[in-house]
Protein backbone atom coordinates (compact mmCIF):
# COMPACT_ATOMS: atom_id res chain seq x y z
CA MET A 1 37.01 79.09 160.88
CA LEU A 2 34.50 79.91 163.61
CA ALA A 3 31.48 80.15 161.30
CA PRO A 4 30.71 76.39 161.34
CA ALA A 5 30.98 76.37 165.13
CA VAL A 6 28.58 79.29 165.41
CA VAL A 7 26.13 77.49 163.12
CA MET A 8 26.36 74.34 165.25
CA LEU A 9 25.77 76.35 168.43
CA ARG A 10 22.84 78.22 166.91
CA LEU A 11 20.99 75.29 165.31
CA PRO A 12 19.56 73.78 168.53
CA VAL A 13 18.33 77.19 169.67
CA MET A 14 16.75 77.90 166.29
CA ALA A 15 15.19 74.42 166.22
CA ALA A 16 13.61 75.08 169.63
CA GLU A 17 12.28 78.38 168.31
CA ALA A 18 10.82 76.68 165.24
CA GLY A 19 9.12 74.10 167.44
CA GLY A 20 7.57 76.79 169.59
CA LEU A 21 9.61 75.81 172.64
CA ALA A 22 11.44 79.12 172.85
CA ARG A 23 10.96 82.75 171.89
CA ARG A 24 12.13 83.77 168.43
CA GLY A 25 14.96 86.00 169.62
CA GLU A 26 17.92 84.09 168.21
CA SER A 27 16.49 83.72 164.71
CA MET A 28 15.69 87.41 164.47
CA ARG A 29 19.10 88.30 165.89
CA ALA A 30 20.85 86.05 163.36
CA ILE A 31 19.03 87.64 160.46
CA SER A 32 19.54 91.21 161.65
CA GLU A 33 23.25 90.59 162.31
CA LYS A 34 23.73 89.21 158.82
CA VAL A 35 22.00 92.18 157.21
CA ALA A 36 24.06 94.60 159.30
CA ALA A 37 27.32 92.77 158.50
CA VAL A 38 26.57 92.80 154.77
CA THR A 39 25.74 96.50 154.88
CA GLU A 40 28.90 97.31 156.81
CA GLY A 41 30.96 95.11 154.49
CA VAL A 42 29.66 96.80 151.35
CA ALA A 43 30.35 100.24 152.81
CA ALA A 44 33.88 99.21 153.87
CA ALA A 45 34.61 97.77 150.42
CA GLN A 46 33.42 100.93 148.72
CA LEU A 47 35.49 103.15 151.03
CA SER A 48 38.53 101.01 150.33
CA LEU A 49 38.02 101.40 146.58
CA VAL A 50 37.54 105.16 146.94
CA ASP A 51 40.84 105.27 148.82
CA SER A 52 42.50 103.33 146.00
CA PHE A 53 41.01 105.70 143.41
CA SER A 54 42.43 108.65 145.34
CA ARG A 55 45.89 107.03 145.28
CA PHE A 56 45.84 106.43 141.50
CA TRP A 57 47.58 109.61 140.32
CA PRO A 58 50.09 109.82 143.17
CA GLU A 59 51.11 106.22 142.42
CA ILE A 60 51.48 107.04 138.71
CA MET A 61 53.56 110.13 139.46
CA THR A 62 55.92 108.22 141.76
CA GLY A 63 56.46 105.50 139.15
CA LYS A 64 54.55 102.77 140.95
CA THR A 65 52.02 100.50 139.31
CA PRO A 66 48.59 101.77 140.42
CA SER A 67 46.89 99.47 142.88
CA LEU A 68 43.75 99.65 140.72
CA LEU A 69 45.60 97.96 137.87
CA ASN A 70 47.60 95.27 139.68
CA GLY A 71 44.77 93.86 141.81
CA VAL A 72 45.93 95.20 145.17
CA ALA A 73 42.92 97.52 145.37
CA LEU A 74 40.51 94.61 144.94
CA GLU A 75 42.36 92.56 147.51
CA ARG A 76 42.17 95.42 150.03
CA SER A 77 38.49 95.85 149.22
CA VAL A 78 37.72 92.18 149.84
CA HIS A 79 39.58 92.21 153.15
CA ALA A 80 37.73 95.36 154.20
CA ALA A 81 34.41 93.78 153.24
CA LEU A 82 35.07 90.64 155.31
CA LYS A 83 36.14 92.40 158.52
CA PRO A 84 32.61 93.22 159.79
CA ALA A 85 31.44 89.64 159.25
CA SER A 86 34.53 88.29 160.96
CA ARG A 87 33.98 90.51 164.00
CA ARG A 88 30.36 89.38 164.27
CA VAL A 89 31.23 85.69 163.97
CA LYS A 90 33.81 86.02 166.75
CA ALA A 91 31.35 87.88 168.96
CA ASN A 92 28.62 85.30 168.29
CA PHE A 93 30.96 82.43 169.13
CA LYS A 94 31.88 84.04 172.46
CA ARG A 95 28.24 84.75 173.26
CA LEU A 96 26.87 81.33 172.25
CA ALA A 97 29.73 79.25 173.67
CA GLY A 98 29.77 81.02 177.03
């Protein structure tokens, strides 16, 4: 929910940078933060799936439906992938609003 607010706070700064009225710090920071968040998100998603793979046989042996087959593993993976981006958006909102 904070992403649109961060975009609205960043646009005037980025417009000033594009017009040559300010240094290009915010644009470079925005790009580098996005690349870092994507990288962290991919790594977190992969680790979550590896964890689900490691739980496959124990879940079978205890009579549970494996999380890899019922979609729970993918749901966990998506949530893990979105956490880094969510943290960065919250931090950006605090920094830009304050």
